[in-house]
Amino acid sequence: MRQDLHFQDADAFYEQLLDAHAGLSREDAELLNARLILLLANQIGDAKVLKACIEAARQLPS
């Protein structure tokens, strides 16, 4: 699983993510996140990579 920065414009991605959530209720934002996760998981398509990503995301920052 890659943990290094692998796309060119992380700031633009973050802005797109913020824009997608603008004006949404917490519930709608959570639904958007769930749909986005499923779409991205489908693009990855590798259960071992997805499991590693979930485990990495659960780690608290040190």
PDB file of N, CA and C in Angstrom:
ATOM      1  N   MET A   1       0.833  -1.172   0.000  1.00  0.00           N
ATOM      2  CA  MET A   1       0.000   0.000   0.000  1.00  0.00           C
ATOM      3  C   MET A   1       0.883   1.242   0.000  1.00  0.00           C
ATOM      4  N   ARG A   2       0.581   2.152  -0.910  1.00  0.00           N
ATOM      5  CA  ARG A   2       1.327   3.408  -0.982  1.00  0.00           C
ATOM      6  C   ARG A   2       0.886   4.326   0.146  1.00  0.00           C
ATOM      7  N   GLN A   3       1.849   4.973   0.784  1.00  0.00           N
ATOM      8  CA  GLN A   3       1.523   6.012   1.748  1.00  0.00           C
ATOM      9  C   GLN A   3       2.207   7.323   1.388  1.00  0.00           C
ATOM     10  N   ASP A   4       2.994   7.298   0.312  1.00  0.00           N
ATOM     11  CA  ASP A   4       3.612   8.532  -0.158  1.00  0.00           C
ATOM     12  C   ASP A   4       2.594   9.301  -1.001  1.00  0.00           C
ATOM     13  N   LEU A   5       2.813  10.585  -1.175  1.00  0.00           N
ATOM     14  CA  LEU A   5       1.927  11.402  -1.986  1.00  0.00           C
ATOM     15  C   LEU A   5       2.017  10.929  -3.426  1.00  0.00           C
ATOM     16  N   HIS A   6       0.871  10.535  -4.008  1.00  0.00           N
ATOM     17  CA  HIS A   6       0.881   9.905  -5.330  1.00  0.00           C
ATOM     18  C   HIS A   6       0.063  10.665  -6.369  1.00  0.00           C
ATOM     19  N   PHE A   7      -0.356  11.888  -6.055  1.00  0.00           N
ATOM     20  CA  PHE A   7      -1.039  12.674  -7.065  1.00  0.00           C
ATOM     21  C   PHE A   7      -0.478  14.082  -7.053  1.00  0.00           C
ATOM     22  N   GLN A   8      -0.658  14.758  -8.150  1.00  0.00           N
ATOM     23  CA  GLN A   8       0.066  15.997  -8.381  1.00  0.00           C
ATOM     24  C   GLN A   8      -0.392  17.167  -7.526  1.00  0.00           C
ATOM     25  N   ASP A   9      -1.671  17.322  -7.302  1.00  0.00           N
ATOM     26  CA  ASP A   9      -2.152  18.524  -6.633  1.00  0.00           C
ATOM     27  C   ASP A   9      -3.056  18.169  -5.460  1.00  0.00           C
ATOM     28  N   ALA A  10      -2.428  17.832  -4.347  1.00  0.00           N
ATOM     29  CA  ALA A  10      -3.185  17.438  -3.157  1.00  0.00           C
ATOM     30  C   ALA A  10      -4.078  18.574  -2.671  1.00  0.00           C
ATOM     31  N   ASP A  11      -3.610  19.812  -2.788  1.00  0.00           N
ATOM     32  CA  ASP A  11      -4.410  20.949  -2.340  1.00  0.00           C
ATOM     33  C   ASP A  11      -5.697  21.071  -3.151  1.00  0.00           C
ATOM     34  N   ALA A  12      -5.612  20.869  -4.458  1.00  0.00           N
ATOM     35  CA  ALA A  12      -6.810  20.939  -5.301  1.00  0.00           C
ATOM     36  C   ALA A  12      -7.789  19.827  -4.930  1.00  0.00           C
ATOM     37  N   PHE A  13      -7.272  18.633  -4.660  1.00  0.00           N
ATOM     38  CA  PHE A  13      -8.136  17.530  -4.230  1.00  0.00           C
ATOM     39  C   PHE A  13      -8.853  17.886  -2.935  1.00  0.00           C
ATOM     40  N   TYR A  14      -8.118  18.428  -1.979  1.00  0.00           N
ATOM     41  CA  TYR A  14      -8.709  18.798  -0.696  1.00  0.00           C
ATOM     42  C   TYR A  14      -9.794  19.863  -0.898  1.00  0.00           C
ATOM     43  N   GLU A  15      -9.540  20.828  -1.742  1.00  0.00           N
ATOM     44  CA  GLU A  15     -10.539  21.859  -2.042  1.00  0.00           C
ATOM     45  C   GLU A  15     -11.788  21.251  -2.676  1.00  0.00           C
ATOM     46  N   GLN A  16     -11.603  20.305  -3.597  1.00  0.00           N
ATOM     47  CA  GLN A  16     -12.743  19.631  -4.215  1.00  0.00           C
ATOM     48  C   GLN A  16     -13.561  18.887  -3.170  1.00  0.00           C
ATOM     49  N   LEU A  17     -12.868  18.245  -2.238  1.00  0.00           N
ATOM     50  CA  LEU A  17     -13.546  17.512  -1.177  1.00  0.00           C
ATOM     51  C   LEU A  17     -14.338  18.456  -0.278  1.00  0.00           C
ATOM     52  N   LEU A  18     -13.717  19.581   0.083  1.00  0.00           N
ATOM     53  CA  LEU A  18     -14.422  20.576   0.893  1.00  0.00           C
ATOM     54  C   LEU A  18     -15.636  21.125   0.149  1.00  0.00           C
ATOM     55  N   ASP A  19     -15.461  21.446  -1.131  1.00  0.00           N
ATOM     56  CA  ASP A  19     -16.557  21.972  -1.940  1.00  0.00           C
ATOM     57  C   ASP A  19     -17.708  20.971  -2.033  1.00  0.00           C
ATOM     58  N   ALA A  20     -17.380  19.689  -2.145  1.00  0.00           N
ATOM     59  CA  ALA A  20     -18.412  18.658  -2.247  1.00  0.00           C
ATOM     60  C   ALA A  20     -19.255  18.584  -0.975  1.00  0.00           C
ATOM     61  N   HIS A  21     -18.654  18.933   0.160  1.00  0.00           N
ATOM     62  CA  HIS A  21     -19.351  18.876   1.449  1.00  0.00           C
ATOM     63  C   HIS A  21     -20.044  20.183   1.816  1.00  0.00           C
ATOM     64  N   ALA A  22     -19.763  21.241   1.092  1.00  0.00           N
ATOM     65  CA  ALA A  22     -20.305  22.559   1.434  1.00  0.00           C
ATOM     66  C   ALA A  22     -21.833  22.525   1.458  1.00  0.00           C
ATOM     67  N   GLY A  23     -22.383  23.005   2.550  1.00  0.00           N
ATOM     68  CA  GLY A  23     -23.830  23.116   2.665  1.00  0.00           C
ATOM     69  C   GLY A  23     -24.558  21.836   3.015  1.00  0.00           C
ATOM     70  N   LEU A  24     -23.840  20.737   3.169  1.00  0.00           N
ATOM     71  CA  LEU A  24     -24.495  19.462   3.498  1.00  0.00           C
ATOM     72  C   LEU A  24     -24.690  19.337   5.002  1.00  0.00           C
ATOM     73  N   SER A  25     -25.754  18.674   5.376  1.00  0.00           N
ATOM     74  CA  SER A  25     -25.931  18.308   6.780  1.00  0.00           C
ATOM     75  C   SER A  25     -24.870  17.259   7.126  1.00  0.00           C
ATOM     76  N   ARG A  26     -24.686  17.019   8.404  1.00  0.00           N
ATOM     77  CA  ARG A  26     -23.723  15.994   8.816  1.00  0.00           C
ATOM     78  C   ARG A  26     -24.098  14.638   8.220  1.00  0.00           C
ATOM     79  N   GLU A  27     -25.387  14.314   8.244  1.00  0.00           N
ATOM     80  CA  GLU A  27     -25.843  13.028   7.704  1.00  0.00           C
ATOM     81  C   GLU A  27     -25.558  12.928   6.209  1.00  0.00           C
ATOM     82  N   ASP A  28     -25.850  13.984   5.460  1.00  0.00           N
ATOM     83  CA  ASP A  28     -25.598  13.963   4.025  1.00  0.00           C
ATOM     84  C   ASP A  28     -24.100  13.917   3.723  1.00  0.00           C
ATOM     85  N   ALA A  29     -23.294  14.596   4.543  1.00  0.00           N
ATOM     86  CA  ALA A  29     -21.838  14.552   4.369  1.00  0.00           C
ATOM     87  C   ALA A  29     -21.318  13.141   4.620  1.00  0.00           C
ATOM     88  N   GLU A  30     -21.876  12.466   5.623  1.00  0.00           N
ATOM     89  CA  GLU A  30     -21.466  11.092   5.906  1.00  0.00           C
ATOM     90  C   GLU A  30     -21.876  10.161   4.770  1.00  0.00           C
ATOM     91  N   LEU A  31     -23.047  10.380   4.189  1.00  0.00           N
ATOM     92  CA  LEU A  31     -23.479   9.576   3.042  1.00  0.00           C
ATOM     93  C   LEU A  31     -22.578   9.824   1.835  1.00  0.00           C
ATOM     94  N   LEU A  32     -22.209  11.079   1.603  1.00  0.00           N
ATOM     95  CA  LEU A  32     -21.285  11.394   0.513  1.00  0.00           C
ATOM     96  C   LEU A  32     -19.959  10.663   0.731  1.00  0.00           C
ATOM     97  N   ASN A  33     -19.439  10.710   1.963  1.00  0.00           N
ATOM     98  CA  ASN A  33     -18.180  10.029   2.265  1.00  0.00           C
ATOM     99  C   ASN A  33     -18.291   8.532   2.017  1.00  0.00           C
ATOM    100  N   ALA A  34     -19.408   7.940   2.424  1.00  0.00           N
ATOM    101  CA  ALA A  34     -19.597   6.497   2.230  1.00  0.00           C
ATOM    102  C   ALA A  34     -19.618   6.155   0.740  1.00  0.00           C
ATOM    103  N   ARG A  35     -20.351   6.937  -0.042  1.00  0.00           N
ATOM    104  CA  ARG A  35     -20.405   6.681  -1.490  1.00  0.00           C
ATOM    105  C   ARG A  35     -19.027   6.861  -2.127  1.00  0.00           C
ATOM    106  N   LEU A  36     -18.327   7.910  -1.707  1.00  0.00           N
ATOM    107  CA  LEU A  36     -16.988   8.158  -2.248  1.00  0.00           C
ATOM    108  C   LEU A  36     -16.036   7.018  -1.912  1.00  0.00           C
ATOM    109  N   ILE A  37     -16.091   6.542  -0.690  1.00  0.00           N
ATOM    110  CA  ILE A  37     -15.233   5.419  -0.281  1.00  0.00           C
ATOM    111  C   ILE A  37     -15.530   4.188  -1.130  1.00  0.00           C
ATOM    112  N   LEU A  38     -16.809   3.889  -1.348  1.00  0.00           N
ATOM    113  CA  LEU A  38     -17.159   2.715  -2.153  1.00  0.00           C
ATOM    114  C   LEU A  38     -16.703   2.879  -3.602  1.00  0.00           C
ATOM    115  N   LEU A  39     -16.840   4.075  -4.158  1.00  0.00           N
ATOM    116  CA  LEU A  39     -16.372   4.314  -5.526  1.00  0.00           C
ATOM    117  C   LEU A  39     -14.851   4.155  -5.633  1.00  0.00           C
ATOM    118  N   LEU A  40     -14.137   4.712  -4.672  1.00  0.00           N
ATOM    119  CA  LEU A  40     -12.671   4.598  -4.691  1.00  0.00           C
ATOM    120  C   LEU A  40     -12.230   3.153  -4.456  1.00  0.00           C
ATOM    121  N   ALA A  41     -12.912   2.457  -3.549  1.00  0.00           N
ATOM    122  CA  ALA A  41     -12.590   1.051  -3.298  1.00  0.00           C
ATOM    123  C   ALA A  41     -12.788   0.224  -4.562  1.00  0.00           C
ATOM    124  N   ASN A  42     -13.833   0.526  -5.314  1.00  0.00           N
ATOM    125  CA  ASN A  42     -14.081  -0.175  -6.564  1.00  0.00           C
ATOM    126  C   ASN A  42     -12.948   0.072  -7.561  1.00  0.00           C
ATOM    127  N   GLN A  43     -12.413   1.272  -7.565  1.00  0.00           N
ATOM    128  CA  GLN A  43     -11.293   1.585  -8.456  1.00  0.00           C
ATOM    129  C   GLN A  43     -10.034   0.821  -8.051  1.00  0.00           C
ATOM    130  N   ILE A  44      -9.828   0.669  -6.736  1.00  0.00           N
ATOM    131  CA  ILE A  44      -8.651  -0.062  -6.246  1.00  0.00           C
ATOM    132  C   ILE A  44      -8.806  -1.547  -6.551  1.00  0.00           C
ATOM    133  N   GLY A  45      -9.936  -2.119  -6.156  1.00  0.00           N
ATOM    134  CA  GLY A  45     -10.271  -3.483  -6.517  1.00  0.00           C
ATOM    135  C   GLY A  45      -9.427  -4.586  -5.907  1.00  0.00           C
ATOM    136  N   ASP A  46      -8.613  -4.283  -4.935  1.00  0.00           N
ATOM    137  CA  ASP A  46      -7.744  -5.285  -4.325  1.00  0.00           C
ATOM    138  C   ASP A  46      -8.049  -5.341  -2.830  1.00  0.00           C
ATOM    139  N   ALA A  47      -8.624  -6.465  -2.372  1.00  0.00           N
ATOM    140  CA  ALA A  47      -9.073  -6.587  -0.986  1.00  0.00           C
ATOM    141  C   ALA A  47      -7.926  -6.415   0.009  1.00  0.00           C
ATOM    142  N   LYS A  48      -6.735  -6.916  -0.320  1.00  0.00           N
ATOM    143  CA  LYS A  48      -5.602  -6.779   0.599  1.00  0.00           C
ATOM    144  C   LYS A  48      -5.180  -5.319   0.742  1.00  0.00           C
ATOM    145  N   VAL A  49      -5.181  -4.596  -0.360  1.00  0.00           N
ATOM    146  CA  VAL A  49      -4.828  -3.175  -0.314  1.00  0.00           C
ATOM    147  C   VAL A  49      -5.884  -2.403   0.467  1.00  0.00           C
ATOM    148  N   LEU A  50      -7.153  -2.723   0.220  1.00  0.00           N
ATOM    149  CA  LEU A  50      -8.225  -2.045   0.944  1.00  0.00           C
ATOM    150  C   LEU A  50      -8.129  -2.305   2.441  1.00  0.00           C
ATOM    151  N   LYS A  51      -7.842  -3.536   2.819  1.00  0.00           N
ATOM    152  CA  LYS A  51      -7.689  -3.861   4.240  1.00  0.00           C
ATOM    153  C   LYS A  51      -6.531  -3.081   4.841  1.00  0.00           C
ATOM    154  N   ALA A  52      -5.416  -3.012   4.136  1.00  0.00           N
ATOM    155  CA  ALA A  52      -4.261  -2.256   4.624  1.00  0.00           C
ATOM    156  C   ALA A  52      -4.592  -0.771   4.758  1.00  0.00           C
ATOM    157  N   CYS A  53      -5.369  -0.243   3.832  1.00  0.00           N
ATOM    158  CA  CYS A  53      -5.772   1.163   3.892  1.00  0.00           C
ATOM    159  C   CYS A  53      -6.659   1.421   5.106  1.00  0.00           C
ATOM    160  N   ILE A  54      -7.600   0.527   5.353  1.00  0.00           N
ATOM    161  CA  ILE A  54      -8.476   0.674   6.506  1.00  0.00           C
ATOM    162  C   ILE A  54      -7.664   0.639   7.798  1.00  0.00           C
ATOM    163  N   GLU A  55      -6.746  -0.292   7.892  1.00  0.00           N
ATOM    164  CA  GLU A  55      -5.914  -0.403   9.083  1.00  0.00           C
ATOM    165  C   GLU A  55      -5.045   0.853   9.257  1.00  0.00           C
ATOM    166  N   ALA A  56      -4.489   1.365   8.172  1.00  0.00           N
ATOM    167  CA  ALA A  56      -3.673   2.578   8.258  1.00  0.00           C
ATOM    168  C   ALA A  56      -4.511   3.780   8.669  1.00  0.00           C
ATOM    169  N   ALA A  57      -5.738   3.866   8.151  1.00  0.00           N
ATOM    170  CA  ALA A  57      -6.611   4.990   8.469  1.00  0.00           C
ATOM    171  C   ALA A  57      -7.058   4.959   9.935  1.00  0.00           C
ATOM    172  N   ARG A  58      -7.121   3.778  10.516  1.00  0.00           N
ATOM    173  CA  ARG A  58      -7.540   3.652  11.920  1.00  0.00           C
ATOM    174  C   ARG A  58      -6.449   4.061  12.887  1.00  0.00           C
ATOM    175  N   GLN A  59      -5.216   4.150  12.421  1.00  0.00           N
ATOM    176  CA  GLN A  59      -4.115   4.515  13.298  1.00  0.00           C
ATOM    177  C   GLN A  59      -4.212   5.989  13.676  1.00  0.00           C
ATOM    178  N   LEU A  60      -4.075   6.273  14.955  1.00  0.00           N
ATOM    179  CA  LEU A  60      -4.096   7.656  15.401  1.00  0.00           C
ATOM    180  C   LEU A  60      -2.779   8.319  15.026  1.00  0.00           C
ATOM    181  N   PRO A  61      -2.836   9.580  14.622  1.00  0.00           N
ATOM    182  CA  PRO A  61      -1.574  10.275  14.304  1.00  0.00           C
ATOM    183  C   PRO A  61      -0.702  10.349  15.550  1.00  0.00           C
ATOM    184  N   SER A  62       0.591  10.233  15.349  1.00  0.00           N
ATOM    185  CA  SER A  62       1.493  10.299  16.508  1.00  0.00           C
ATOM    186  C   SER A  62       2.072  11.677  16.688  1.00  0.00           C
TER     187      SER A  62
END
